[in-house]
Amino acid sequence: EKLHVSEPSNAYDFGQIVNAVNASKDKAACADLLTITDPKRLPVLLSNKLEGEIFTIFIQSLECYIVGKDPGLVYQHLFYLSKVERFKVVLALLSKTEKEQVQQLLDLLLEKQHHQYTLEDIESLKQVYEL
C-alpha cells in the first residue's frame, strides 16, 4: 500500500514521514514528499536527523521520479540538503556506490540544462558533495 504524504508543518511531522518512507523504502512516496516540501525548509525540517539511509533514499527518489519532470527542483533540494546540520558526517560515510548515485544525478542535471542553475552551479555542487 502506497504511503499517503501530506506537506509536513514542522520538523517532527517531517521526521515521522521520512521514517515511514525509509522503513518501507517507498521512493515514490519520498518523491511526493520532496515535491511538496520547499527545499529551503530542508535544513530546518531535517534538523540534526540526517542519516545515510535517508540521504540515499532522497537521492534515489530525486533521480527516479523528479529529475525528468523538474530538474530545477532537484538542484534546489541538492543545494539545501548540503546545508543540513549532519551533511558532512553523512557524506563522509557514503559508500562508493552511494557517491556514484549522487554523481549520476548531477550528470543528469547537466544534461537537462535549466534556467534555475548553470554549469558553474553544478560544478560547485560537485565540490560540496566531494565528487
N, C-alpha and C. Protein backbone atom coordinates (compact mmCIF):
# COMPACT_ATOMS: atom_id res chain seq x y z
N GLU A 1 0.85 -1.19 0.00
CA GLU A 1 0.00 0.00 0.00
C GLU A 1 0.89 1.25 0.00
N LYS A 2 0.57 2.17 -0.90
CA LYS A 2 1.37 3.38 -1.03
C LYS A 2 1.11 4.32 0.14
N LEU A 3 2.17 4.89 0.64
CA LEU A 3 2.05 5.85 1.73
C LEU A 3 1.39 7.12 1.23
N HIS A 4 0.50 7.68 2.05
CA HIS A 4 -0.09 8.97 1.71
C HIS A 4 0.78 10.05 2.36
N VAL A 5 1.21 10.98 1.55
CA VAL A 5 2.12 12.02 2.04
C VAL A 5 1.45 13.38 1.96
N SER A 6 1.46 14.10 3.08
CA SER A 6 0.95 15.47 3.05
C SER A 6 2.07 16.40 3.51
N GLU A 7 1.94 17.67 3.18
CA GLU A 7 3.01 18.61 3.50
C GLU A 7 3.23 18.70 5.00
N PRO A 8 4.46 18.45 5.45
CA PRO A 8 4.74 18.50 6.88
C PRO A 8 4.76 19.94 7.38
N SER A 9 4.17 20.17 8.54
CA SER A 9 4.13 21.54 9.06
C SER A 9 5.32 21.84 9.96
N ASN A 10 5.98 20.80 10.45
CA ASN A 10 7.13 21.03 11.33
C ASN A 10 8.13 19.88 11.23
N ALA A 11 9.25 20.03 11.92
CA ALA A 11 10.32 19.03 11.85
C ALA A 11 9.87 17.67 12.35
N TYR A 12 9.01 17.66 13.39
CA TYR A 12 8.53 16.38 13.93
C TYR A 12 7.72 15.63 12.87
N ASP A 13 6.75 16.33 12.24
CA ASP A 13 5.93 15.70 11.19
C ASP A 13 6.80 15.20 10.04
N PHE A 14 7.75 16.04 9.64
CA PHE A 14 8.64 15.67 8.55
C PHE A 14 9.41 14.40 8.91
N GLY A 15 9.93 14.37 10.14
CA GLY A 15 10.68 13.21 10.61
C GLY A 15 9.85 11.94 10.60
N GLN A 16 8.58 12.06 11.02
CA GLN A 16 7.69 10.89 11.03
C GLN A 16 7.48 10.35 9.61
N ILE A 17 7.24 11.27 8.67
CA ILE A 17 7.01 10.86 7.29
C ILE A 17 8.28 10.25 6.70
N VAL A 18 9.43 10.89 6.95
CA VAL A 18 10.71 10.39 6.43
C VAL A 18 10.98 8.99 6.98
N ASN A 19 10.71 8.78 8.27
CA ASN A 19 10.94 7.46 8.87
C ASN A 19 10.04 6.41 8.24
N ALA A 20 8.78 6.75 7.99
CA ALA A 20 7.84 5.81 7.36
C ALA A 20 8.29 5.48 5.94
N VAL A 21 8.68 6.51 5.20
CA VAL A 21 9.15 6.34 3.82
C VAL A 21 10.40 5.46 3.80
N ASN A 22 11.31 5.73 4.73
CA ASN A 22 12.56 4.99 4.79
C ASN A 22 12.32 3.54 5.19
N ALA A 23 11.43 3.32 6.14
CA ALA A 23 11.14 1.96 6.61
C ALA A 23 10.56 1.11 5.48
N SER A 24 9.72 1.72 4.66
CA SER A 24 9.08 0.97 3.57
C SER A 24 9.87 1.05 2.26
N LYS A 25 10.95 1.85 2.27
CA LYS A 25 11.76 2.08 1.05
C LYS A 25 10.87 2.52 -0.12
N ASP A 26 9.88 3.34 0.20
CA ASP A 26 8.91 3.80 -0.80
C ASP A 26 9.43 5.07 -1.49
N LYS A 27 10.15 4.87 -2.60
CA LYS A 27 10.75 6.01 -3.30
C LYS A 27 9.71 6.93 -3.91
N ALA A 28 8.57 6.37 -4.33
CA ALA A 28 7.51 7.20 -4.92
C ALA A 28 6.94 8.14 -3.86
N ALA A 29 6.71 7.62 -2.65
CA ALA A 29 6.18 8.46 -1.56
C ALA A 29 7.24 9.49 -1.16
N CYS A 30 8.50 9.10 -1.18
CA CYS A 30 9.57 10.03 -0.86
C CYS A 30 9.60 11.15 -1.90
N ALA A 31 9.41 10.79 -3.16
CA ALA A 31 9.37 11.80 -4.23
C ALA A 31 8.19 12.75 -4.02
N ASP A 32 7.05 12.20 -3.60
CA ASP A 32 5.88 13.05 -3.29
C ASP A 32 6.24 14.04 -2.19
N LEU A 33 6.90 13.54 -1.15
CA LEU A 33 7.29 14.38 -0.02
C LEU A 33 8.24 15.49 -0.49
N LEU A 34 9.23 15.14 -1.30
CA LEU A 34 10.20 16.13 -1.77
C LEU A 34 9.57 17.12 -2.75
N THR A 35 8.53 16.68 -3.46
CA THR A 35 7.86 17.57 -4.40
C THR A 35 7.04 18.64 -3.67
N ILE A 36 6.43 18.27 -2.54
CA ILE A 36 5.59 19.24 -1.82
C ILE A 36 6.34 20.00 -0.74
N THR A 37 7.60 19.64 -0.50
CA THR A 37 8.38 20.31 0.53
C THR A 37 9.28 21.37 -0.11
N ASP A 38 9.20 22.58 0.38
CA ASP A 38 10.06 23.65 -0.10
C ASP A 38 11.51 23.31 0.24
N PRO A 39 12.39 23.19 -0.77
CA PRO A 39 13.78 22.82 -0.50
C PRO A 39 14.44 23.72 0.56
N LYS A 40 14.08 24.99 0.58
CA LYS A 40 14.68 25.92 1.54
C LYS A 40 14.41 25.51 2.98
N ARG A 41 13.35 24.72 3.19
CA ARG A 41 12.99 24.30 4.55
C ARG A 41 13.75 23.04 5.01
N LEU A 42 14.45 22.38 4.08
CA LEU A 42 15.14 21.12 4.44
C LEU A 42 16.05 21.23 5.67
N PRO A 43 16.92 22.25 5.74
CA PRO A 43 17.81 22.31 6.91
C PRO A 43 17.04 22.38 8.23
N VAL A 44 15.90 23.08 8.24
CA VAL A 44 15.10 23.19 9.47
C VAL A 44 14.32 21.90 9.71
N LEU A 45 13.71 21.37 8.66
CA LEU A 45 12.88 20.16 8.79
C LEU A 45 13.71 18.94 9.17
N LEU A 46 14.89 18.81 8.59
CA LEU A 46 15.74 17.66 8.91
C LEU A 46 16.49 17.87 10.22
N SER A 47 16.70 19.13 10.57
CA SER A 47 17.38 19.47 11.81
C SER A 47 18.68 18.66 11.90
N ASN A 48 18.88 17.91 12.98
CA ASN A 48 20.10 17.11 13.13
C ASN A 48 19.81 15.62 12.89
N LYS A 49 18.76 15.33 12.11
CA LYS A 49 18.30 13.95 11.94
C LYS A 49 18.75 13.30 10.63
N LEU A 50 19.59 13.97 9.85
CA LEU A 50 20.01 13.38 8.58
C LEU A 50 20.88 12.15 8.84
N GLU A 51 20.54 11.06 8.15
CA GLU A 51 21.33 9.82 8.23
C GLU A 51 21.57 9.31 6.82
N GLY A 52 22.52 8.40 6.71
CA GLY A 52 22.89 7.86 5.41
C GLY A 52 21.73 7.27 4.63
N GLU A 53 20.88 6.48 5.32
CA GLU A 53 19.75 5.84 4.63
C GLU A 53 18.77 6.88 4.09
N ILE A 54 18.54 7.91 4.87
CA ILE A 54 17.62 8.98 4.46
C ILE A 54 18.22 9.73 3.27
N PHE A 55 19.49 10.06 3.37
CA PHE A 55 20.19 10.74 2.29
C PHE A 55 20.06 9.92 1.00
N THR A 56 20.30 8.61 1.10
CA THR A 56 20.28 7.74 -0.07
C THR A 56 18.89 7.65 -0.70
N ILE A 57 17.85 7.52 0.11
CA ILE A 57 16.51 7.42 -0.48
C ILE A 57 16.10 8.77 -1.10
N PHE A 58 16.57 9.87 -0.53
CA PHE A 58 16.32 11.19 -1.14
C PHE A 58 16.95 11.23 -2.53
N ILE A 59 18.22 10.83 -2.63
CA ILE A 59 18.94 10.86 -3.91
C ILE A 59 18.24 9.96 -4.93
N GLN A 60 17.89 8.74 -4.51
CA GLN A 60 17.24 7.79 -5.42
C GLN A 60 15.88 8.30 -5.88
N SER A 61 15.13 8.90 -4.97
CA SER A 61 13.80 9.42 -5.32
C SER A 61 13.91 10.60 -6.28
N LEU A 62 14.87 11.47 -6.03
CA LEU A 62 15.08 12.62 -6.93
C LEU A 62 15.43 12.12 -8.32
N GLU A 63 16.26 11.07 -8.38
CA GLU A 63 16.67 10.56 -9.68
C GLU A 63 15.55 9.81 -10.39
N CYS A 64 14.84 8.95 -9.66
CA CYS A 64 13.81 8.10 -10.29
C CYS A 64 12.56 8.87 -10.70
N TYR A 65 12.16 9.84 -9.87
CA TYR A 65 10.83 10.42 -10.06
C TYR A 65 10.79 11.91 -10.38
N ILE A 66 11.84 12.65 -10.06
CA ILE A 66 11.70 14.11 -10.15
C ILE A 66 12.59 14.74 -11.22
N VAL A 67 13.80 14.22 -11.41
CA VAL A 67 14.75 14.90 -12.32
C VAL A 67 14.19 15.04 -13.74
N GLY A 68 13.43 14.05 -14.19
CA GLY A 68 12.86 14.11 -15.54
C GLY A 68 11.78 15.17 -15.69
N LYS A 69 11.07 15.46 -14.59
CA LYS A 69 9.97 16.42 -14.63
C LYS A 69 10.40 17.82 -14.23
N ASP A 70 11.27 17.90 -13.22
CA ASP A 70 11.61 19.20 -12.66
C ASP A 70 13.06 19.26 -12.18
N PRO A 71 14.01 19.36 -13.12
CA PRO A 71 15.41 19.40 -12.74
C PRO A 71 15.74 20.57 -11.81
N GLY A 72 15.03 21.68 -11.96
CA GLY A 72 15.27 22.84 -11.09
C GLY A 72 15.00 22.51 -9.63
N LEU A 73 13.95 21.74 -9.38
CA LEU A 73 13.60 21.33 -8.01
C LEU A 73 14.69 20.40 -7.46
N VAL A 74 15.19 19.51 -8.31
CA VAL A 74 16.26 18.59 -7.88
C VAL A 74 17.50 19.40 -7.47
N TYR A 75 17.85 20.37 -8.30
CA TYR A 75 19.01 21.20 -7.97
C TYR A 75 18.81 21.89 -6.61
N GLN A 76 17.64 22.47 -6.41
CA GLN A 76 17.34 23.16 -5.14
C GLN A 76 17.47 22.20 -3.96
N HIS A 77 16.91 21.00 -4.10
CA HIS A 77 16.99 20.03 -3.00
C HIS A 77 18.44 19.64 -2.70
N LEU A 78 19.23 19.41 -3.75
CA LEU A 78 20.63 19.06 -3.53
C LEU A 78 21.39 20.21 -2.87
N PHE A 79 21.07 21.42 -3.30
CA PHE A 79 21.74 22.60 -2.73
C PHE A 79 21.42 22.73 -1.24
N TYR A 80 20.13 22.65 -0.89
CA TYR A 80 19.75 22.84 0.52
C TYR A 80 20.06 21.62 1.39
N LEU A 81 20.10 20.43 0.77
CA LEU A 81 20.50 19.24 1.51
C LEU A 81 21.93 19.41 2.02
N SER A 82 22.75 20.10 1.24
CA SER A 82 24.15 20.30 1.64
C SER A 82 24.27 21.30 2.80
N LYS A 83 23.18 21.97 3.15
CA LYS A 83 23.19 22.94 4.26
C LYS A 83 22.67 22.32 5.56
N VAL A 84 22.24 21.06 5.49
CA VAL A 84 21.69 20.37 6.66
C VAL A 84 22.81 20.07 7.65
N GLU A 85 22.45 20.13 8.93
CA GLU A 85 23.42 20.01 10.02
C GLU A 85 24.40 18.84 9.90
N ARG A 86 23.91 17.65 9.65
CA ARG A 86 24.78 16.46 9.64
C ARG A 86 25.29 16.08 8.25
N PHE A 87 25.16 16.99 7.30
CA PHE A 87 25.53 16.69 5.91
C PHE A 87 26.96 16.16 5.78
N LYS A 88 27.93 16.85 6.38
CA LYS A 88 29.34 16.46 6.24
C LYS A 88 29.61 15.08 6.84
N VAL A 89 28.94 14.79 7.94
CA VAL A 89 29.10 13.48 8.60
C VAL A 89 28.57 12.38 7.68
N VAL A 90 27.37 12.59 7.16
CA VAL A 90 26.74 11.60 6.26
C VAL A 90 27.59 11.42 5.01
N LEU A 91 28.06 12.53 4.46
CA LEU A 91 28.87 12.49 3.24
C LEU A 91 30.12 11.64 3.45
N ALA A 92 30.75 11.80 4.60
CA ALA A 92 31.98 11.08 4.91
C ALA A 92 31.74 9.57 4.99
N LEU A 93 30.52 9.17 5.30
CA LEU A 93 30.20 7.74 5.48
C LEU A 93 29.57 7.08 4.26
N LEU A 94 29.38 7.84 3.18
CA LEU A 94 28.76 7.26 1.99
C LEU A 94 29.68 6.22 1.35
N SER A 95 29.05 5.17 0.84
CA SER A 95 29.82 4.15 0.12
C SER A 95 30.15 4.67 -1.28
N LYS A 96 31.02 3.95 -1.96
CA LYS A 96 31.40 4.31 -3.34
C LYS A 96 30.14 4.31 -4.23
N THR A 97 29.29 3.32 -4.06
CA THR A 97 28.05 3.21 -4.85
C THR A 97 27.14 4.40 -4.60
N GLU A 98 26.99 4.80 -3.34
CA GLU A 98 26.13 5.94 -3.00
C GLU A 98 26.68 7.24 -3.60
N LYS A 99 27.99 7.39 -3.56
CA LYS A 99 28.61 8.58 -4.17
C LYS A 99 28.37 8.58 -5.68
N GLU A 100 28.44 7.40 -6.28
CA GLU A 100 28.20 7.28 -7.72
C GLU A 100 26.76 7.68 -8.07
N GLN A 101 25.81 7.36 -7.17
CA GLN A 101 24.41 7.76 -7.40
C GLN A 101 24.27 9.28 -7.41
N VAL A 102 24.99 9.95 -6.50
CA VAL A 102 24.96 11.41 -6.46
C VAL A 102 25.58 11.97 -7.75
N GLN A 103 26.71 11.39 -8.15
CA GLN A 103 27.39 11.81 -9.39
C GLN A 103 26.46 11.67 -10.59
N GLN A 104 25.75 10.54 -10.65
CA GLN A 104 24.81 10.26 -11.74
C GLN A 104 23.70 11.31 -11.77
N LEU A 105 23.19 11.66 -10.60
CA LEU A 105 22.11 12.65 -10.51
C LEU A 105 22.61 14.01 -10.98
N LEU A 106 23.82 14.38 -10.57
CA LEU A 106 24.38 15.67 -11.01
C LEU A 106 24.64 15.66 -12.53
N ASP A 107 25.05 14.51 -13.07
CA ASP A 107 25.25 14.40 -14.51
C ASP A 107 23.93 14.58 -15.26
N LEU A 108 22.85 14.02 -14.70
CA LEU A 108 21.53 14.19 -15.30
C LEU A 108 21.12 15.66 -15.30
N LEU A 109 21.44 16.36 -14.21
CA LEU A 109 21.13 17.79 -14.15
C LEU A 109 21.88 18.55 -15.24
N LEU A 110 23.11 18.18 -15.48
CA LEU A 110 23.90 18.83 -16.54
C LEU A 110 23.25 18.61 -17.91
N GLU A 111 22.77 17.38 -18.13
CA GLU A 111 22.12 17.05 -19.41
C GLU A 111 20.85 17.86 -19.62
N LYS A 112 20.13 18.10 -18.52
CA LYS A 112 18.81 18.73 -18.60
C LYS A 112 18.89 20.21 -18.26
N GLN A 113 19.81 20.92 -18.86
CA GLN A 113 20.02 22.32 -18.51
C GLN A 113 18.71 23.03 -18.20
N HIS A 114 18.79 23.92 -17.24
CA HIS A 114 17.59 24.55 -16.70
C HIS A 114 17.91 25.98 -16.31
N HIS A 115 16.92 26.84 -16.35
CA HIS A 115 17.17 28.26 -16.03
C HIS A 115 17.49 28.49 -14.56
N GLN A 116 17.20 27.50 -13.69
CA GLN A 116 17.45 27.69 -12.25
C GLN A 116 18.89 27.42 -11.84
N TYR A 117 19.69 26.87 -12.74
CA TYR A 117 21.08 26.61 -12.40
C TYR A 117 21.96 26.67 -13.64
N THR A 118 23.25 26.90 -13.42
CA THR A 118 24.22 26.97 -14.50
C THR A 118 25.20 25.81 -14.37
N LEU A 119 26.04 25.66 -15.38
CA LEU A 119 27.10 24.66 -15.35
C LEU A 119 27.98 24.89 -14.11
N GLU A 120 28.26 26.17 -13.81
CA GLU A 120 29.09 26.51 -12.65
C GLU A 120 28.42 26.08 -11.35
N ASP A 121 27.09 26.23 -11.28
CA ASP A 121 26.36 25.80 -10.07
C ASP A 121 26.54 24.31 -9.83
N ILE A 122 26.44 23.53 -10.91
CA ILE A 122 26.58 22.07 -10.80
C ILE A 122 28.01 21.72 -10.41
N GLU A 123 28.98 22.37 -11.02
CA GLU A 123 30.40 22.12 -10.68
C GLU A 123 30.64 22.44 -9.20
N SER A 124 30.03 23.51 -8.74
CA SER A 124 30.16 23.92 -7.34
C SER A 124 29.54 22.85 -6.41
N LEU A 125 28.38 22.33 -6.81
CA LEU A 125 27.73 21.27 -6.01
C LEU A 125 28.60 20.01 -5.98
N LYS A 126 29.25 19.70 -7.10
CA LYS A 126 30.12 18.52 -7.13
C LYS A 126 31.22 18.66 -6.08
N GLN A 127 31.75 19.87 -5.93
CA GLN A 127 32.79 20.09 -4.91
C GLN A 127 32.20 19.94 -3.50
N VAL A 128 31.02 20.49 -3.29
CA VAL A 128 30.37 20.39 -1.99
C VAL A 128 30.12 18.92 -1.63
N TYR A 129 29.72 18.13 -2.63
CA TYR A 129 29.45 16.70 -2.42
C TYR A 129 30.73 15.86 -2.56
N GLU A 130 31.86 16.54 -2.68
CA GLU A 130 33.18 15.90 -2.74
C GLU A 130 33.27 14.85 -3.86
N LEU A 131 32.81 15.24 -5.04
CA LEU A 131 32.85 14.32 -6.20
C LEU A 131 33.94 14.72 -7.17
